[in-house]
Amino acid sequence: MANIKSAKKRILVIETKTLRNKMIKSKIKTLVKKVDAAVAASDKAAATAALSEAVVAIDKAAAKGVYHKNTAARKVSRITKAVNSIA
């Protein structure tokens, strides 16, 4: 455990940020699962709606530093490719 006051504060701040990041990542996983479920059901309208919602969330996460920009781009690319594969 840290003895210095500033180090103790940093520990608390990091805990808060970690919880926020976990919450955002969990939300994105849920949104991606919705896209995958719509793709599996071959529901183009639902997949497109879920895709736009997921892309916004992923881009916001990348902007806030939760995901690296290339990770975010990869995630968006994969789900977009899945939605476009619906005939």
N, C-alpha and C. Protein backbone atom coordinates (compact mmCIF):
# COMPACT_ATOMS: atom_id res chain seq x y z
N MET A 1 0.85 -1.19 0.00
CA MET A 1 0.00 0.00 0.00
C MET A 1 0.89 1.24 0.00
N ALA A 2 0.41 2.25 -0.69
CA ALA A 2 1.18 3.49 -0.80
C ALA A 2 1.17 4.26 0.51
N ASN A 3 2.26 4.97 0.77
CA ASN A 3 2.35 5.80 1.97
C ASN A 3 2.17 7.28 1.66
N ILE A 4 2.54 7.67 0.46
CA ILE A 4 2.50 9.08 0.08
C ILE A 4 1.07 9.45 -0.31
N LYS A 5 0.66 10.65 0.11
CA LYS A 5 -0.73 11.09 -0.12
C LYS A 5 -1.10 11.11 -1.60
N SER A 6 -0.21 11.61 -2.44
CA SER A 6 -0.51 11.69 -3.87
C SER A 6 -0.63 10.30 -4.49
N ALA A 7 0.16 9.36 -3.99
CA ALA A 7 0.09 7.98 -4.50
C ALA A 7 -1.23 7.33 -4.10
N LYS A 8 -1.69 7.63 -2.89
CA LYS A 8 -2.98 7.11 -2.43
C LYS A 8 -4.11 7.65 -3.30
N LYS A 9 -4.01 8.94 -3.64
CA LYS A 9 -5.02 9.56 -4.48
C LYS A 9 -5.02 8.93 -5.87
N ARG A 10 -3.83 8.69 -6.40
CA ARG A 10 -3.73 8.08 -7.74
C ARG A 10 -4.39 6.70 -7.74
N ILE A 11 -4.23 5.94 -6.68
CA ILE A 11 -4.85 4.62 -6.58
C ILE A 11 -6.37 4.75 -6.67
N LEU A 12 -6.93 5.73 -5.96
CA LEU A 12 -8.38 5.93 -5.99
C LEU A 12 -8.85 6.37 -7.37
N VAL A 13 -8.09 7.27 -7.99
CA VAL A 13 -8.45 7.75 -9.33
C VAL A 13 -8.39 6.62 -10.35
N ILE A 14 -7.37 5.78 -10.26
CA ILE A 14 -7.23 4.66 -11.19
C ILE A 14 -8.38 3.67 -11.02
N GLU A 15 -8.80 3.44 -9.77
CA GLU A 15 -9.95 2.55 -9.54
C GLU A 15 -11.20 3.08 -10.22
N THR A 16 -11.42 4.38 -10.10
CA THR A 16 -12.59 5.01 -10.72
C THR A 16 -12.54 4.88 -12.23
N LYS A 17 -11.37 5.17 -12.81
CA LYS A 17 -11.21 5.08 -14.27
C LYS A 17 -11.37 3.64 -14.74
N THR A 18 -10.84 2.69 -13.97
CA THR A 18 -10.95 1.28 -14.35
C THR A 18 -12.40 0.84 -14.38
N LEU A 19 -13.17 1.25 -13.39
CA LEU A 19 -14.60 0.91 -13.36
C LEU A 19 -15.33 1.51 -14.56
N ARG A 20 -15.00 2.76 -14.88
CA ARG A 20 -15.64 3.42 -16.03
C ARG A 20 -15.30 2.69 -17.32
N ASN A 21 -14.02 2.34 -17.47
CA ASN A 21 -13.59 1.65 -18.68
C ASN A 21 -14.26 0.28 -18.80
N LYS A 22 -14.39 -0.44 -17.68
CA LYS A 22 -15.06 -1.75 -17.70
C LYS A 22 -16.51 -1.60 -18.11
N MET A 23 -17.16 -0.56 -17.61
CA MET A 23 -18.57 -0.32 -17.94
C MET A 23 -18.73 -0.04 -19.43
N ILE A 24 -17.85 0.79 -19.97
CA ILE A 24 -17.94 1.13 -21.40
C ILE A 24 -17.66 -0.10 -22.26
N LYS A 25 -16.63 -0.88 -21.90
CA LYS A 25 -16.30 -2.08 -22.68
C LYS A 25 -17.43 -3.09 -22.63
N SER A 26 -18.06 -3.23 -21.47
CA SER A 26 -19.18 -4.15 -21.32
C SER A 26 -20.35 -3.73 -22.21
N LYS A 27 -20.62 -2.43 -22.24
CA LYS A 27 -21.70 -1.91 -23.07
C LYS A 27 -21.43 -2.19 -24.54
N ILE A 28 -20.19 -2.00 -24.96
CA ILE A 28 -19.83 -2.22 -26.36
C ILE A 28 -19.97 -3.70 -26.71
N LYS A 29 -19.55 -4.58 -25.80
CA LYS A 29 -19.71 -6.02 -26.05
C LYS A 29 -21.17 -6.38 -26.24
N THR A 30 -22.04 -5.78 -25.42
CA THR A 30 -23.48 -6.03 -25.53
C THR A 30 -24.00 -5.55 -26.88
N LEU A 31 -23.58 -4.36 -27.30
CA LEU A 31 -24.03 -3.81 -28.58
C LEU A 31 -23.55 -4.66 -29.75
N VAL A 32 -22.32 -5.16 -29.67
CA VAL A 32 -21.79 -6.02 -30.73
C VAL A 32 -22.56 -7.34 -30.78
N LYS A 33 -22.92 -7.86 -29.61
CA LYS A 33 -23.72 -9.09 -29.57
C LYS A 33 -25.09 -8.87 -30.22
N LYS A 34 -25.67 -7.69 -30.03
CA LYS A 34 -26.95 -7.38 -30.67
C LYS A 34 -26.80 -7.38 -32.19
N VAL A 35 -25.71 -6.82 -32.68
CA VAL A 35 -25.45 -6.82 -34.12
C VAL A 35 -25.30 -8.25 -34.61
N ASP A 36 -24.52 -9.06 -33.90
CA ASP A 36 -24.30 -10.45 -34.29
C ASP A 36 -25.60 -11.24 -34.29
N ALA A 37 -26.45 -10.99 -33.30
CA ALA A 37 -27.73 -11.70 -33.22
C ALA A 37 -28.62 -11.33 -34.41
N ALA A 38 -28.63 -10.05 -34.77
CA ALA A 38 -29.43 -9.61 -35.92
C ALA A 38 -28.89 -10.18 -37.22
N VAL A 39 -27.57 -10.29 -37.33
CA VAL A 39 -26.95 -10.88 -38.52
C VAL A 39 -27.30 -12.36 -38.60
N ALA A 40 -27.23 -13.05 -37.47
CA ALA A 40 -27.56 -14.47 -37.44
C ALA A 40 -29.02 -14.72 -37.83
N ALA A 41 -29.89 -13.76 -37.46
CA ALA A 41 -31.31 -13.88 -37.79
C ALA A 41 -31.61 -13.36 -39.20
N SER A 42 -30.60 -12.84 -39.89
CA SER A 42 -30.73 -12.27 -41.24
C SER A 42 -31.74 -11.13 -41.27
N ASP A 43 -31.77 -10.34 -40.21
CA ASP A 43 -32.66 -9.19 -40.13
C ASP A 43 -31.87 -7.94 -40.47
N LYS A 44 -31.95 -7.53 -41.74
CA LYS A 44 -31.14 -6.42 -42.23
C LYS A 44 -31.45 -5.10 -41.51
N ALA A 45 -32.74 -4.84 -41.28
CA ALA A 45 -33.13 -3.57 -40.65
C ALA A 45 -32.61 -3.49 -39.21
N ALA A 46 -32.81 -4.56 -38.45
CA ALA A 46 -32.35 -4.57 -37.06
C ALA A 46 -30.83 -4.53 -36.99
N ALA A 47 -30.18 -5.22 -37.91
CA ALA A 47 -28.71 -5.25 -37.93
C ALA A 47 -28.16 -3.86 -38.23
N THR A 48 -28.78 -3.15 -39.16
CA THR A 48 -28.31 -1.81 -39.52
C THR A 48 -28.51 -0.84 -38.36
N ALA A 49 -29.65 -0.95 -37.68
CA ALA A 49 -29.91 -0.08 -36.54
C ALA A 49 -28.93 -0.37 -35.40
N ALA A 50 -28.71 -1.64 -35.12
CA ALA A 50 -27.77 -2.03 -34.06
C ALA A 50 -26.34 -1.63 -34.43
N LEU A 51 -26.03 -1.72 -35.72
CA LEU A 51 -24.69 -1.35 -36.19
C LEU A 51 -24.40 0.12 -35.93
N SER A 52 -25.34 0.99 -36.28
CA SER A 52 -25.10 2.42 -36.10
C SER A 52 -24.93 2.77 -34.63
N GLU A 53 -25.70 2.12 -33.77
CA GLU A 53 -25.59 2.35 -32.33
C GLU A 53 -24.23 1.88 -31.81
N ALA A 54 -23.79 0.73 -32.28
CA ALA A 54 -22.52 0.16 -31.84
C ALA A 54 -21.34 1.01 -32.33
N VAL A 55 -21.41 1.48 -33.57
CA VAL A 55 -20.31 2.27 -34.12
C VAL A 55 -20.14 3.57 -33.34
N VAL A 56 -21.25 4.21 -32.97
CA VAL A 56 -21.17 5.44 -32.19
C VAL A 56 -20.49 5.17 -30.85
N ALA A 57 -20.90 4.09 -30.18
CA ALA A 57 -20.32 3.76 -28.87
C ALA A 57 -18.83 3.44 -28.98
N ILE A 58 -18.46 2.70 -30.01
CA ILE A 58 -17.04 2.34 -30.20
C ILE A 58 -16.21 3.59 -30.48
N ASP A 59 -16.72 4.49 -31.33
CA ASP A 59 -15.99 5.71 -31.64
C ASP A 59 -15.82 6.60 -30.41
N LYS A 60 -16.86 6.67 -29.58
CA LYS A 60 -16.75 7.47 -28.35
C LYS A 60 -15.71 6.86 -27.42
N ALA A 61 -15.70 5.54 -27.32
CA ALA A 61 -14.72 4.86 -26.46
C ALA A 61 -13.31 5.13 -26.94
N ALA A 62 -13.11 5.12 -28.26
CA ALA A 62 -11.79 5.39 -28.82
C ALA A 62 -11.39 6.84 -28.54
N ALA A 63 -12.33 7.75 -28.64
CA ALA A 63 -12.04 9.16 -28.40
C ALA A 63 -11.66 9.40 -26.94
N LYS A 64 -12.24 8.64 -26.02
CA LYS A 64 -11.96 8.81 -24.60
C LYS A 64 -10.74 7.99 -24.15
N GLY A 65 -10.17 7.20 -25.06
CA GLY A 65 -8.98 6.46 -24.72
C GLY A 65 -9.23 5.09 -24.11
N VAL A 66 -10.48 4.63 -24.15
CA VAL A 66 -10.79 3.30 -23.63
C VAL A 66 -10.21 2.25 -24.57
N TYR A 67 -10.35 2.50 -25.88
CA TYR A 67 -9.78 1.62 -26.90
C TYR A 67 -8.77 2.41 -27.71
N HIS A 68 -7.75 1.73 -28.20
CA HIS A 68 -6.82 2.32 -29.15
C HIS A 68 -7.58 2.54 -30.45
N LYS A 69 -7.19 3.56 -31.23
CA LYS A 69 -7.95 3.89 -32.43
C LYS A 69 -7.96 2.74 -33.44
N ASN A 70 -6.89 1.97 -33.52
CA ASN A 70 -6.85 0.85 -34.46
C ASN A 70 -7.74 -0.29 -33.98
N THR A 71 -7.83 -0.50 -32.68
CA THR A 71 -8.71 -1.51 -32.12
C THR A 71 -10.16 -1.15 -32.43
N ALA A 72 -10.48 0.13 -32.25
CA ALA A 72 -11.84 0.59 -32.54
C ALA A 72 -12.15 0.42 -34.02
N ALA A 73 -11.21 0.76 -34.87
CA ALA A 73 -11.41 0.63 -36.31
C ALA A 73 -11.61 -0.83 -36.70
N ARG A 74 -10.85 -1.72 -36.07
CA ARG A 74 -10.99 -3.15 -36.36
C ARG A 74 -12.36 -3.67 -35.95
N LYS A 75 -12.82 -3.26 -34.77
CA LYS A 75 -14.14 -3.69 -34.29
C LYS A 75 -15.24 -3.20 -35.23
N VAL A 76 -15.16 -1.93 -35.62
CA VAL A 76 -16.16 -1.35 -36.52
C VAL A 76 -16.14 -2.08 -37.86
N SER A 77 -14.94 -2.33 -38.36
CA SER A 77 -14.79 -3.01 -39.64
C SER A 77 -15.41 -4.40 -39.62
N ARG A 78 -15.17 -5.14 -38.56
CA ARG A 78 -15.68 -6.51 -38.47
C ARG A 78 -17.20 -6.56 -38.41
N ILE A 79 -17.80 -5.68 -37.60
CA ILE A 79 -19.27 -5.74 -37.50
C ILE A 79 -19.92 -5.18 -38.76
N THR A 80 -19.28 -4.19 -39.40
CA THR A 80 -19.82 -3.65 -40.65
C THR A 80 -19.77 -4.71 -41.74
N LYS A 81 -18.68 -5.44 -41.78
CA LYS A 81 -18.53 -6.52 -42.76
C LYS A 81 -19.60 -7.59 -42.54
N ALA A 82 -19.89 -7.89 -41.29
CA ALA A 82 -20.90 -8.90 -40.96
C ALA A 82 -22.28 -8.44 -41.41
N VAL A 83 -22.61 -7.15 -41.18
CA VAL A 83 -23.91 -6.62 -41.58
C VAL A 83 -24.03 -6.59 -43.09
N ASN A 84 -22.94 -6.21 -43.77
CA ASN A 84 -22.98 -6.16 -45.25
C ASN A 84 -23.05 -7.55 -45.88
N SER A 85 -22.72 -8.58 -45.12
CA SER A 85 -22.76 -9.93 -45.68
C SER A 85 -24.19 -10.48 -45.76
N ILE A 86 -25.15 -9.79 -45.12
CA ILE A 86 -26.54 -10.23 -45.21
C ILE A 86 -27.04 -9.96 -46.63
N ALA A 87 -27.55 -10.99 -47.27
CA ALA A 87 -27.97 -10.83 -48.67
C ALA A 87 -29.34 -10.19 -48.77
